[in-house]
């Protein structure tokens, strides 16, 4: 017996619509999930919505349970939380996180869902995929006790990274963003805040005196600032994905003489230092457990009904609807 559902599709660059879906009955080892919330991953979903995924990355950037192909039509997204309504007895009635596109209900293998602890509100749980990215970043970094760290870009990823960094003993964390209103968010996350020009030339060593800078703004100016904030022999951990945009950096000055470094971090692979101990599922389960921390509620800045998503997503992409994590309610 099939079940009706509805899903959001990018039907062409810059335009989305909601389409009907016919769901099959769950087979052995599968679950049917009724959606409660999903989160809009603004950085990646903006690139997908604009049709800015490079052709060379079409295969790499496919999301779990994606339908269609880049640039469009494509059903994309990966921050879903729902309730299991059919499946193995141990999962029935449980709130779960799934890396699934925006859809009112879906059938997936049971191993594709992660149980959300009762102490974690369902709406907060949409952040699990982003916290997982932050966990992988800290494994890639990693910060050392006593480090001075800046996080450039106060979006979803930057804020999640900043909160995890704040819990490392002796580490001083400053969240850097062009938007002065993000100072309030930084305060709720327990970290400092600065506008881009406020940290340079402060006399603490090098230009900015930071041992580590985590860059998440997806702009060339942000990456250049990240390099400028480093102390000698410091390193930038690059979490941004630029799609088909080109980035120019000034590497002809002190980049070589100061022995600075840039390293990419990407959640598609478990960081090498933990690859022998953690599977993707175990890393995600760790992220869900970390969401017991109520400080992450600072990232939940707005919500809209699922039916409004075709009108809401363009506003999130062009910035006319400000948000860190905008949640979709089903």
C-alpha atoms as a PDB file:
ATOM      1  CA  UNK A   1       0.000   0.000   0.000  1.00  0.00           C
ATOM      2  CA  UNK A   2       1.420   3.379  -0.985  1.00  0.00           C
ATOM      3  CA  UNK A   3       1.267   6.664   0.926  1.00  0.00           C
ATOM      4  CA  UNK A   4       1.040  10.183  -0.422  1.00  0.00           C
ATOM      5  CA  UNK A   5       3.769  12.706   0.395  1.00  0.00           C
ATOM      6  CA  UNK A   6       5.022  16.019  -0.939  1.00  0.00           C
ATOM      7  CA  UNK A   7       8.601  17.087  -1.708  1.00  0.00           C
ATOM      8  CA  UNK A   8      10.432  20.297  -2.601  1.00  0.00           C
ATOM      9  CA  UNK A   9      12.281  20.317  -5.924  1.00  0.00           C
ATOM     10  CA  UNK A  10      14.570  22.859  -7.581  1.00  0.00           C
ATOM     11  CA  UNK A  11      12.963  22.691 -11.002  1.00  0.00           C
ATOM     12  CA  UNK A  12      15.379  25.138 -12.643  1.00  0.00           C
ATOM     13  CA  UNK A  13      18.099  27.445 -11.292  1.00  0.00           C
ATOM     14  CA  UNK A  14      16.398  30.055  -9.141  1.00  0.00           C
ATOM     15  CA  UNK A  15      12.972  28.392  -8.978  1.00  0.00           C
ATOM     16  CA  UNK A  16      11.532  25.652  -6.792  1.00  0.00           C
ATOM     17  CA  UNK A  17       8.188  23.947  -6.442  1.00  0.00           C
ATOM     18  CA  UNK A  18       6.447  21.325  -4.336  1.00  0.00           C
ATOM     19  CA  UNK A  19       5.603  18.056  -6.075  1.00  0.00           C
ATOM     20  CA  UNK A  20       3.513  15.065  -5.082  1.00  0.00           C
ATOM     21  CA  UNK A  21       5.315  11.845  -4.166  1.00  0.00           C
ATOM     22  CA  UNK A  22       3.958   8.321  -4.035  1.00  0.00           C
ATOM     23  CA  UNK A  23       5.697   6.381  -1.272  1.00  0.00           C
ATOM     24  CA  UNK A  24       6.014   2.586  -1.299  1.00  0.00           C
ATOM     25  CA  UNK A  25       5.233   0.559   1.786  1.00  0.00           C
ATOM     26  CA  UNK A  26       8.375  -0.053   3.856  1.00  0.00           C
ATOM     27  CA  UNK A  27      10.064  -3.357   3.172  1.00  0.00           C
ATOM     28  CA  UNK A  28      12.083  -5.455   5.622  1.00  0.00           C
ATOM     29  CA  UNK A  29      14.704  -3.299   7.323  1.00  0.00           C
ATOM     30  CA  UNK A  30      13.072  -0.029   6.210  1.00  0.00           C
ATOM     31  CA  UNK A  31      11.231   2.743   8.057  1.00  0.00           C
ATOM     32  CA  UNK A  32       8.576   5.248   7.089  1.00  0.00           C
ATOM     33  CA  UNK A  33       9.262   8.635   8.637  1.00  0.00           C
ATOM     34  CA  UNK A  34       6.761  11.475   8.999  1.00  0.00           C
ATOM     35  CA  UNK A  35       8.649  14.781   8.857  1.00  0.00           C
ATOM     36  CA  UNK A  36       8.497  17.227  11.764  1.00  0.00           C
ATOM     37  CA  UNK A  37      11.200  19.738  10.797  1.00  0.00           C
ATOM     38  CA  UNK A  38      13.921  20.242   8.251  1.00  0.00           C
ATOM     39  CA  UNK A  39      16.674  22.827   8.198  1.00  0.00           C
ATOM     40  CA  UNK A  40      17.878  24.893   5.271  1.00  0.00           C
ATOM     41  CA  UNK A  41      21.637  24.560   4.857  1.00  0.00           C
ATOM     42  CA  UNK A  42      22.020  28.036   3.389  1.00  0.00           C
ATOM     43  CA  UNK A  43      25.539  27.781   1.970  1.00  0.00           C
ATOM     44  CA  UNK A  44      25.253  24.537   0.026  1.00  0.00           C
ATOM     45  CA  UNK A  45      21.548  24.830  -0.747  1.00  0.00           C
ATOM     46  CA  UNK A  46      22.068  28.350  -2.101  1.00  0.00           C
ATOM     47  CA  UNK A  47      24.634  27.011  -4.578  1.00  0.00           C
ATOM     48  CA  UNK A  48      22.283  24.216  -5.603  1.00  0.00           C
ATOM     49  CA  UNK A  49      19.348  26.613  -5.926  1.00  0.00           C
ATOM     50  CA  UNK A  50      21.369  28.974  -8.131  1.00  0.00           C
ATOM     51  CA  UNK A  51      22.643  26.112 -10.290  1.00  0.00           C
ATOM     52  CA  UNK A  52      26.227  26.894  -9.255  1.00  0.00           C
ATOM     53  CA  UNK A  53      27.472  23.344  -8.609  1.00  0.00           C
ATOM     54  CA  UNK A  54      30.495  22.787 -10.897  1.00  0.00           C
ATOM     55  CA  UNK A  55      29.996  19.959 -13.388  1.00  0.00           C
ATOM     56  CA  UNK A  56      33.165  18.311 -12.066  1.00  0.00           C
ATOM     57  CA  UNK A  57      31.503  18.011  -8.628  1.00  0.00           C
ATOM     58  CA  UNK A  58      28.114  16.637  -9.660  1.00  0.00           C
ATOM     59  CA  UNK A  59      28.892  13.151  -8.363  1.00  0.00           C
ATOM     60  CA  UNK A  60      30.768  14.299  -5.243  1.00  0.00           C
ATOM     61  CA  UNK A  61      28.050  16.693  -4.112  1.00  0.00           C
ATOM     62  CA  UNK A  62      25.106  14.318  -4.398  1.00  0.00           C
ATOM     63  CA  UNK A  63      23.210  14.229  -1.121  1.00  0.00           C
ATOM     64  CA  UNK A  64      21.915  10.999   0.427  1.00  0.00           C
ATOM     65  CA  UNK A  65      18.441  10.212  -0.979  1.00  0.00           C
ATOM     66  CA  UNK A  66      18.776  12.945  -3.601  1.00  0.00           C
ATOM     67  CA  UNK A  67      16.621  12.542  -6.690  1.00  0.00           C
ATOM     68  CA  UNK A  68      17.326  14.161 -10.035  1.00  0.00           C
ATOM     69  CA  UNK A  69      20.631  15.574 -11.179  1.00  0.00           C
ATOM     70  CA  UNK A  70      22.433  18.909 -11.066  1.00  0.00           C
ATOM     71  CA  UNK A  71      21.771  21.549 -12.093  1.00  0.00           C
ATOM     72  CA  UNK A  72      18.009  20.732 -12.205  1.00  0.00           C
ATOM     73  CA  UNK A  73      15.469  19.386 -11.688  1.00  0.00           C
ATOM     74  CA  UNK A  74      16.814  18.084  -8.400  1.00  0.00           C
ATOM     75  CA  UNK A  75      15.439  17.216  -4.952  1.00  0.00           C
ATOM     76  CA  UNK A  76      18.118  18.309  -2.508  1.00  0.00           C
ATOM     77  CA  UNK A  77      18.607  18.827   1.241  1.00  0.00           C
ATOM     78  CA  UNK A  78      20.002  16.883   4.178  1.00  0.00           C
ATOM     79  CA  UNK A  79      18.771  18.192   7.530  1.00  0.00           C
ATOM     80  CA  UNK A  80      15.586  16.271   8.312  1.00  0.00           C
ATOM     81  CA  UNK A  81      13.933  15.299  11.602  1.00  0.00           C
ATOM     82  CA  UNK A  82      10.796  13.185  11.894  1.00  0.00           C
ATOM     83  CA  UNK A  83       8.948  10.420  13.706  1.00  0.00           C
ATOM     84  CA  UNK A  84       9.095   6.762  12.678  1.00  0.00           C
ATOM     85  CA  UNK A  85       5.540   5.622  11.945  1.00  0.00           C
ATOM     86  CA  UNK A  86       6.328   2.209  10.476  1.00  0.00           C
ATOM     87  CA  UNK A  87       9.355  -0.053  10.786  1.00  0.00           C
ATOM     88  CA  UNK A  88      11.241  -2.169  13.352  1.00  0.00           C
ATOM     89  CA  UNK A  89       9.586  -2.153  16.810  1.00  0.00           C
ATOM     90  CA  UNK A  90      12.590  -0.529  18.496  1.00  0.00           C
ATOM     91  CA  UNK A  91      12.223   2.534  16.233  1.00  0.00           C
ATOM     92  CA  UNK A  92       8.442   2.960  16.211  1.00  0.00           C
ATOM     93  CA  UNK A  93       7.435   6.318  17.637  1.00  0.00           C
ATOM     94  CA  UNK A  94      11.034   7.495  17.977  1.00  0.00           C
ATOM     95  CA  UNK A  95      12.188  10.908  16.839  1.00  0.00           C
ATOM     96  CA  UNK A  96      15.012  10.474  14.327  1.00  0.00           C
ATOM     97  CA  UNK A  97      17.414  12.533  12.243  1.00  0.00           C
ATOM     98  CA  UNK A  98      17.914  11.671   8.591  1.00  0.00           C
ATOM     99  CA  UNK A  99      20.031  13.161   5.808  1.00  0.00           C
ATOM    100  CA  UNK A 100      16.972  13.564   3.592  1.00  0.00           C
ATOM    101  CA  UNK A 101      15.699  16.352   1.305  1.00  0.00           C
ATOM    102  CA  UNK A 102      12.707  18.504   2.286  1.00  0.00           C
ATOM    103  CA  UNK A 103       9.740  16.103   2.132  1.00  0.00           C
ATOM    104  CA  UNK A 104       6.630  15.493   4.248  1.00  0.00           C
ATOM    105  CA  UNK A 105       7.268  11.748   4.606  1.00  0.00           C
ATOM    106  CA  UNK A 106       9.791   9.250   3.269  1.00  0.00           C
ATOM    107  CA  UNK A 107      10.827   5.607   3.301  1.00  0.00           C
ATOM    108  CA  UNK A 108      14.518   4.862   3.924  1.00  0.00           C
ATOM    109  CA  UNK A 109      16.643   1.986   5.247  1.00  0.00           C
ATOM    110  CA  UNK A 110      16.531   1.804   9.041  1.00  0.00           C
ATOM    111  CA  UNK A 111      20.278   2.363   9.207  1.00  0.00           C
ATOM    112  CA  UNK A 112      19.800   5.750   7.494  1.00  0.00           C
ATOM    113  CA  UNK A 113      18.143   7.245  10.586  1.00  0.00           C
ATOM    114  CA  UNK A 114      19.746   8.266  13.881  1.00  0.00           C
ATOM    115  CA  UNK A 115      17.642   8.243  17.048  1.00  0.00           C
ATOM    116  CA  UNK A 116      17.391  11.652  18.726  1.00  0.00           C
ATOM    117  CA  UNK A 117      17.663  11.524  22.546  1.00  0.00           C
ATOM    118  CA  UNK A 118      14.507  12.551  24.405  1.00  0.00           C
ATOM    119  CA  UNK A 119      16.443  15.467  25.916  1.00  0.00           C
ATOM    120  CA  UNK A 120      17.103  16.995  22.459  1.00  0.00           C
ATOM    121  CA  UNK A 121      14.137  18.970  21.059  1.00  0.00           C
ATOM    122  CA  UNK A 122      13.162  17.909  17.544  1.00  0.00           C
ATOM    123  CA  UNK A 123      13.684  21.407  16.108  1.00  0.00           C
ATOM    124  CA  UNK A 124      17.224  21.643  17.525  1.00  0.00           C
ATOM    125  CA  UNK A 125      18.002  18.216  16.087  1.00  0.00           C
ATOM    126  CA  UNK A 126      17.979  19.604  12.519  1.00  0.00           C
ATOM    127  CA  UNK A 127      21.457  20.941  13.365  1.00  0.00           C
ATOM    128  CA  UNK A 128      22.878  17.403  13.621  1.00  0.00           C
ATOM    129  CA  UNK A 129      24.344  17.406  10.123  1.00  0.00           C
ATOM    130  CA  UNK A 130      26.037  20.763  10.716  1.00  0.00           C
ATOM    131  CA  UNK A 131      27.377  19.770  14.129  1.00  0.00           C
ATOM    132  CA  UNK A 132      28.752  16.655  12.421  1.00  0.00           C
ATOM    133  CA  UNK A 133      30.646  18.947  10.028  1.00  0.00           C
ATOM    134  CA  UNK A 134      31.994  20.862  13.030  1.00  0.00           C
ATOM    135  CA  UNK A 135      33.101  17.649  14.762  1.00  0.00           C
ATOM    136  CA  UNK A 136      34.998  16.589  11.657  1.00  0.00           C
ATOM    137  CA  UNK A 137      36.586  20.045  11.443  1.00  0.00           C
ATOM    138  CA  UNK A 138      37.901  19.876  15.001  1.00  0.00           C
ATOM    139  CA  UNK A 139      39.344  16.440  14.259  1.00  0.00           C
ATOM    140  CA  UNK A 140      41.029  17.907  11.183  1.00  0.00           C
ATOM    141  CA  UNK A 141      42.345  21.013  12.978  1.00  0.00           C
ATOM    142  CA  UNK A 142      42.859  20.025  15.844  1.00  0.00           C
ATOM    143  CA  UNK A 143      42.920  22.862  18.425  1.00  0.00           C
ATOM    144  CA  UNK A 144      45.515  22.644  21.189  1.00  0.00           C
ATOM    145  CA  UNK A 145      45.062  23.645  24.816  1.00  0.00           C
ATOM    146  CA  UNK A 146      45.785  27.349  25.170  1.00  0.00           C
ATOM    147  CA  UNK A 147      45.270  28.173  21.474  1.00  0.00           C
ATOM    148  CA  UNK A 148      43.889  31.497  20.352  1.00  0.00           C
ATOM    149  CA  UNK A 149      41.332  30.715  17.659  1.00  0.00           C
ATOM    150  CA  UNK A 150      39.195  32.858  15.352  1.00  0.00           C
ATOM    151  CA  UNK A 151      36.203  31.580  13.399  1.00  0.00           C
ATOM    152  CA  UNK A 152      35.548  33.765  10.350  1.00  0.00           C
ATOM    153  CA  UNK A 153      31.907  33.571   9.272  1.00  0.00           C
ATOM    154  CA  UNK A 154      29.018  33.341  11.747  1.00  0.00           C
ATOM    155  CA  UNK A 155      26.725  31.111   9.716  1.00  0.00           C
ATOM    156  CA  UNK A 156      25.519  27.660  10.705  1.00  0.00           C
ATOM    157  CA  UNK A 157      28.876  25.932  10.341  1.00  0.00           C
ATOM    158  CA  UNK A 158      30.896  28.750  11.903  1.00  0.00           C
ATOM    159  CA  UNK A 159      28.618  28.982  14.919  1.00  0.00           C
ATOM    160  CA  UNK A 160      28.656  25.211  15.479  1.00  0.00           C
ATOM    161  CA  UNK A 161      32.448  25.163  15.249  1.00  0.00           C
ATOM    162  CA  UNK A 162      32.709  28.098  17.661  1.00  0.00           C
ATOM    163  CA  UNK A 163      30.524  26.380  20.254  1.00  0.00           C
ATOM    164  CA  UNK A 164      32.528  23.151  20.147  1.00  0.00           C
ATOM    165  CA  UNK A 165      35.798  25.099  20.329  1.00  0.00           C
ATOM    166  CA  UNK A 166      34.539  26.969  23.390  1.00  0.00           C
ATOM    167  CA  UNK A 167      34.434  23.697  25.292  1.00  0.00           C
ATOM    168  CA  UNK A 168      38.140  22.906  24.761  1.00  0.00           C
ATOM    169  CA  UNK A 169      40.068  23.830  27.934  1.00  0.00           C
ATOM    170  CA  UNK A 170      42.168  26.975  27.682  1.00  0.00           C
ATOM    171  CA  UNK A 171      41.106  27.863  24.134  1.00  0.00           C
ATOM    172  CA  UNK A 172      40.078  31.474  23.482  1.00  0.00           C
ATOM    173  CA  UNK A 173      37.520  31.730  20.667  1.00  0.00           C
ATOM    174  CA  UNK A 174      36.431  34.795  18.703  1.00  0.00           C
ATOM    175  CA  UNK A 175      33.630  34.666  16.153  1.00  0.00           C
ATOM    176  CA  UNK A 176      34.213  37.160  13.316  1.00  0.00           C
ATOM    177  CA  UNK A 177      31.473  38.438  11.025  1.00  0.00           C
ATOM    178  CA  UNK A 178      30.436  41.518   9.040  1.00  0.00           C
ATOM    179  CA  UNK A 179      27.029  41.530  10.741  1.00  0.00           C
ATOM    180  CA  UNK A 180      27.249  43.233  14.173  1.00  0.00           C
ATOM    181  CA  UNK A 181      24.003  41.567  15.287  1.00  0.00           C
ATOM    182  CA  UNK A 182      25.877  38.250  15.399  1.00  0.00           C
ATOM    183  CA  UNK A 183      27.526  39.522  18.592  1.00  0.00           C
ATOM    184  CA  UNK A 184      24.385  38.486  20.476  1.00  0.00           C
ATOM    185  CA  UNK A 185      24.609  34.984  19.004  1.00  0.00           C
ATOM    186  CA  UNK A 186      28.294  34.762  19.932  1.00  0.00           C
ATOM    187  CA  UNK A 187      27.423  35.703  23.504  1.00  0.00           C
ATOM    188  CA  UNK A 188      24.830  32.915  23.696  1.00  0.00           C
ATOM    189  CA  UNK A 189      27.446  30.492  22.364  1.00  0.00           C
ATOM    190  CA  UNK A 190      29.938  31.555  25.044  1.00  0.00           C
ATOM    191  CA  UNK A 191      32.540  33.028  22.683  1.00  0.00           C
ATOM    192  CA  UNK A 192      33.861  36.483  21.845  1.00  0.00           C
ATOM    193  CA  UNK A 193      32.853  38.521  18.817  1.00  0.00           C
ATOM    194  CA  UNK A 194      34.642  40.961  16.516  1.00  0.00           C
ATOM    195  CA  UNK A 195      34.021  42.759  13.254  1.00  0.00           C
ATOM    196  CA  UNK A 196      36.647  41.944  10.582  1.00  0.00           C
ATOM    197  CA  UNK A 197      38.868  44.977  11.172  1.00  0.00           C
ATOM    198  CA  UNK A 198      38.948  44.764  14.951  1.00  0.00           C
ATOM    199  CA  UNK A 199      41.469  41.913  15.329  1.00  0.00           C
ATOM    200  CA  UNK A 200      44.247  43.029  13.003  1.00  0.00           C
ATOM    201  CA  UNK A 201      47.345  44.713  14.378  1.00  0.00           C
ATOM    202  CA  UNK A 202      46.395  44.187  18.018  1.00  0.00           C
ATOM    203  CA  UNK A 203      49.992  43.562  19.074  1.00  0.00           C
ATOM    204  CA  UNK A 204      49.496  39.948  20.068  1.00  0.00           C
ATOM    205  CA  UNK A 205      52.002  38.493  17.590  1.00  0.00           C
ATOM    206  CA  UNK A 206      51.985  38.312  13.810  1.00  0.00           C
ATOM    207  CA  UNK A 207      49.146  40.394  12.422  1.00  0.00           C
ATOM    208  CA  UNK A 208      46.301  38.863  14.338  1.00  0.00           C
ATOM    209  CA  UNK A 209      48.178  36.501  16.621  1.00  0.00           C
ATOM    210  CA  UNK A 210      45.879  33.510  16.167  1.00  0.00           C
ATOM    211  CA  UNK A 211      47.232  29.957  16.252  1.00  0.00           C
ATOM    212  CA  UNK A 212      44.263  28.658  14.254  1.00  0.00           C
ATOM    213  CA  UNK A 213      41.608  30.328  12.118  1.00  0.00           C
ATOM    214  CA  UNK A 214      38.581  28.386  10.906  1.00  0.00           C
ATOM    215  CA  UNK A 215      37.111  29.931   7.753  1.00  0.00           C
ATOM    216  CA  UNK A 216      33.455  29.393   6.861  1.00  0.00           C
ATOM    217  CA  UNK A 217      32.305  32.559   5.055  1.00  0.00           C
ATOM    218  CA  UNK A 218      32.719  31.213   1.481  1.00  0.00           C
ATOM    219  CA  UNK A 219      34.211  34.527   0.326  1.00  0.00           C
ATOM    220  CA  UNK A 220      37.662  35.428  -0.939  1.00  0.00           C
ATOM    221  CA  UNK A 221      37.800  38.398   1.437  1.00  0.00           C
ATOM    222  CA  UNK A 222      37.018  36.099   4.345  1.00  0.00           C
ATOM    223  CA  UNK A 223      39.791  33.687   3.398  1.00  0.00           C
ATOM    224  CA  UNK A 224      42.285  36.540   3.016  1.00  0.00           C
ATOM    225  CA  UNK A 225      41.267  37.899   6.417  1.00  0.00           C
ATOM    226  CA  UNK A 226      41.741  34.423   7.893  1.00  0.00           C
ATOM    227  CA  UNK A 227      45.340  34.351   6.661  1.00  0.00           C
ATOM    228  CA  UNK A 228      45.942  37.877   7.950  1.00  0.00           C
ATOM    229  CA  UNK A 229      44.717  36.877  11.412  1.00  0.00           C
ATOM    230  CA  UNK A 230      47.330  34.146  11.828  1.00  0.00           C
ATOM    231  CA  UNK A 231      50.417  34.238  13.986  1.00  0.00           C
ATOM    232  CA  UNK A 232      53.648  32.950  12.438  1.00  0.00           C
ATOM    233  CA  UNK A 233      53.324  29.298  11.403  1.00  0.00           C
ATOM    234  CA  UNK A 234      49.590  29.388  12.076  1.00  0.00           C
ATOM    235  CA  UNK A 235      47.075  27.603   9.884  1.00  0.00           C
ATOM    236  CA  UNK A 236      43.693  28.229   8.332  1.00  0.00           C
ATOM    237  CA  UNK A 237      41.187  25.391   8.291  1.00  0.00           C
ATOM    238  CA  UNK A 238      38.990  25.996   5.237  1.00  0.00           C
ATOM    239  CA  UNK A 239      35.421  24.720   5.532  1.00  0.00           C
ATOM    240  CA  UNK A 240      33.882  26.879   2.803  1.00  0.00           C
ATOM    241  CA  UNK A 241      32.685  25.478  -0.490  1.00  0.00           C
ATOM    242  CA  UNK A 242      32.772  28.023  -3.297  1.00  0.00           C
ATOM    243  CA  UNK A 243      30.930  26.123  -6.014  1.00  0.00           C
ATOM    244  CA  UNK A 244      31.950  27.517  -9.399  1.00  0.00           C
ATOM    245  CA  UNK A 245      33.318  30.806  -7.961  1.00  0.00           C
ATOM    246  CA  UNK A 246      37.023  31.660  -8.244  1.00  0.00           C
ATOM    247  CA  UNK A 247      38.982  33.011  -5.272  1.00  0.00           C
ATOM    248  CA  UNK A 248      42.018  35.293  -5.399  1.00  0.00           C
ATOM    249  CA  UNK A 249      44.499  35.541  -2.521  1.00  0.00           C
ATOM    250  CA  UNK A 250      47.506  37.758  -1.872  1.00  0.00           C
ATOM    251  CA  UNK A 251      50.199  35.132  -1.347  1.00  0.00           C
ATOM    252  CA  UNK A 252      53.113  37.244  -2.531  1.00  0.00           C
ATOM    253  CA  UNK A 253      53.682  38.971   0.810  1.00  0.00           C
ATOM    254  CA  UNK A 254      54.511  37.204   4.045  1.00  0.00           C
ATOM    255  CA  UNK A 255      52.628  33.982   3.358  1.00  0.00           C
ATOM    256  CA  UNK A 256      55.826  32.002   2.683  1.00  0.00           C
ATOM    257  CA  UNK A 257      58.187  33.783   5.070  1.00  0.00           C
ATOM    258  CA  UNK A 258      55.745  33.336   7.958  1.00  0.00           C
ATOM    259  CA  UNK A 259      55.167  29.675   7.001  1.00  0.00           C
ATOM    260  CA  UNK A 260      51.383  29.952   7.023  1.00  0.00           C
ATOM    261  CA  UNK A 261      49.157  27.067   6.038  1.00  0.00           C
ATOM    262  CA  UNK A 262      45.722  26.421   4.534  1.00  0.00           C
ATOM    263  CA  UNK A 263      44.024  23.054   4.896  1.00  0.00           C
ATOM    264  CA  UNK A 264      40.632  21.968   3.588  1.00  0.00           C
ATOM    265  CA  UNK A 265      38.131  20.092   5.730  1.00  0.00           C
ATOM    266  CA  UNK A 266      35.065  18.424   4.240  1.00  0.00           C
ATOM    267  CA  UNK A 267      32.479  16.252   5.934  1.00  0.00           C
ATOM    268  CA  UNK A 268      32.204  13.716   3.086  1.00  0.00           C
ATOM    269  CA  UNK A 269      35.098  11.732   4.595  1.00  0.00           C
ATOM    270  CA  UNK A 270      35.751  11.031   8.259  1.00  0.00           C
ATOM    271  CA  UNK A 271      38.877  12.934   9.298  1.00  0.00           C
ATOM    272  CA  UNK A 272      41.969  10.759   8.889  1.00  0.00           C
ATOM    273  CA  UNK A 273      42.871  10.896  12.586  1.00  0.00           C
ATOM    274  CA  UNK A 274      39.552   9.208  13.499  1.00  0.00           C
ATOM    275  CA  UNK A 275      38.842   7.136  10.391  1.00  0.00           C
ATOM    276  CA  UNK A 276      39.905   3.879  12.046  1.00  0.00           C
ATOM    277  CA  UNK A 277      37.566   4.440  15.012  1.00  0.00           C
ATOM    278  CA  UNK A 278      34.478   6.159  13.636  1.00  0.00           C
ATOM    279  CA  UNK A 279      32.132   5.296  10.811  1.00  0.00           C
ATOM    280  CA  UNK A 280      29.966   8.001   9.268  1.00  0.00           C
ATOM    281  CA  UNK A 281      27.031   6.714  11.358  1.00  0.00           C
ATOM    282  CA  UNK A 282      29.027   6.835  14.592  1.00  0.00           C
ATOM    283  CA  UNK A 283      30.209  10.376  13.852  1.00  0.00           C
ATOM    284  CA  UNK A 284      26.610  11.487  13.242  1.00  0.00           C
ATOM    285  CA  UNK A 285      25.466   9.794  16.451  1.00  0.00           C
ATOM    286  CA  UNK A 286      28.149  11.761  18.328  1.00  0.00           C
ATOM    287  CA  UNK A 287      26.865  14.986  16.785  1.00  0.00           C
ATOM    288  CA  UNK A 288      23.312  14.212  17.894  1.00  0.00           C
ATOM    289  CA  UNK A 289      24.529  13.586  21.448  1.00  0.00           C
ATOM    290  CA  UNK A 290      26.342  16.946  21.470  1.00  0.00           C
ATOM    291  CA  UNK A 291      23.015  18.627  20.714  1.00  0.00           C
ATOM    292  CA  UNK A 292      21.959  18.048  24.310  1.00  0.00           C
ATOM    293  CA  UNK A 293      23.657  21.434  24.756  1.00  0.00           C
ATOM    294  CA  UNK A 294      20.877  24.106  24.753  1.00  0.00           C
ATOM    295  CA  UNK A 295      23.334  26.778  23.575  1.00  0.00           C
ATOM    296  CA  UNK A 296      22.758  25.524  20.018  1.00  0.00           C
ATOM    297  CA  UNK A 297      19.254  27.027  20.132  1.00  0.00           C
ATOM    298  CA  UNK A 298      20.935  30.368  19.379  1.00  0.00           C
ATOM    299  CA  UNK A 299      21.295  29.191  15.769  1.00  0.00           C
ATOM    300  CA  UNK A 300      17.555  28.648  15.243  1.00  0.00           C
ATOM    301  CA  UNK A 301      16.588  32.071  13.951  1.00  0.00           C
ATOM    302  CA  UNK A 302      13.285  31.585  12.124  1.00  0.00           C
ATOM    303  CA  UNK A 303      10.803  29.086  10.733  1.00  0.00           C
ATOM    304  CA  UNK A 304       8.297  28.705   7.912  1.00  0.00           C
ATOM    305  CA  UNK A 305       5.674  26.185   6.910  1.00  0.00           C
ATOM    306  CA  UNK A 306       6.721  23.606   4.326  1.00  0.00           C
ATOM    307  CA  UNK A 307       4.199  24.988   1.799  1.00  0.00           C
ATOM    308  CA  UNK A 308       6.033  28.333   1.919  1.00  0.00           C
ATOM    309  CA  UNK A 309       9.437  26.885   0.970  1.00  0.00           C
ATOM    310  CA  UNK A 310       9.284  27.798  -2.767  1.00  0.00           C
ATOM    311  CA  UNK A 311       8.877  31.466  -1.773  1.00  0.00           C
ATOM    312  CA  UNK A 312      11.140  31.354   1.290  1.00  0.00           C
ATOM    313  CA  UNK A 313      14.244  29.738  -0.230  1.00  0.00           C
ATOM    314  CA  UNK A 314      14.914  32.546  -2.778  1.00  0.00           C
ATOM    315  CA  UNK A 315      14.789  35.064   0.090  1.00  0.00           C
ATOM    316  CA  UNK A 316      17.229  33.013   2.144  1.00  0.00           C
ATOM    317  CA  UNK A 317      19.551  32.743  -0.848  1.00  0.00           C
ATOM    318  CA  UNK A 318      19.568  36.473  -1.662  1.00  0.00           C
ATOM    319  CA  UNK A 319      19.791  37.513   2.008  1.00  0.00           C
ATOM    320  CA  UNK A 320      16.504  39.425   2.125  1.00  0.00           C
ATOM    321  CA  UNK A 321      15.409  36.968   4.830  1.00  0.00           C
ATOM    322  CA  UNK A 322      18.277  36.985   7.369  1.00  0.00           C
ATOM    323  CA  UNK A 323      18.888  33.672   9.094  1.00  0.00           C
ATOM    324  CA  UNK A 324      21.480  31.360  10.546  1.00  0.00           C
ATOM    325  CA  UNK A 325      19.359  28.192  10.507  1.00  0.00           C
ATOM    326  CA  UNK A 326      15.865  28.654   9.122  1.00  0.00           C
ATOM    327  CA  UNK A 327      13.690  25.676   9.945  1.00  0.00           C
ATOM    328  CA  UNK A 328      10.827  24.272   7.913  1.00  0.00           C
ATOM    329  CA  UNK A 329       7.790  23.049   9.858  1.00  0.00           C
ATOM    330  CA  UNK A 330       5.639  20.146   8.607  1.00  0.00           C
END
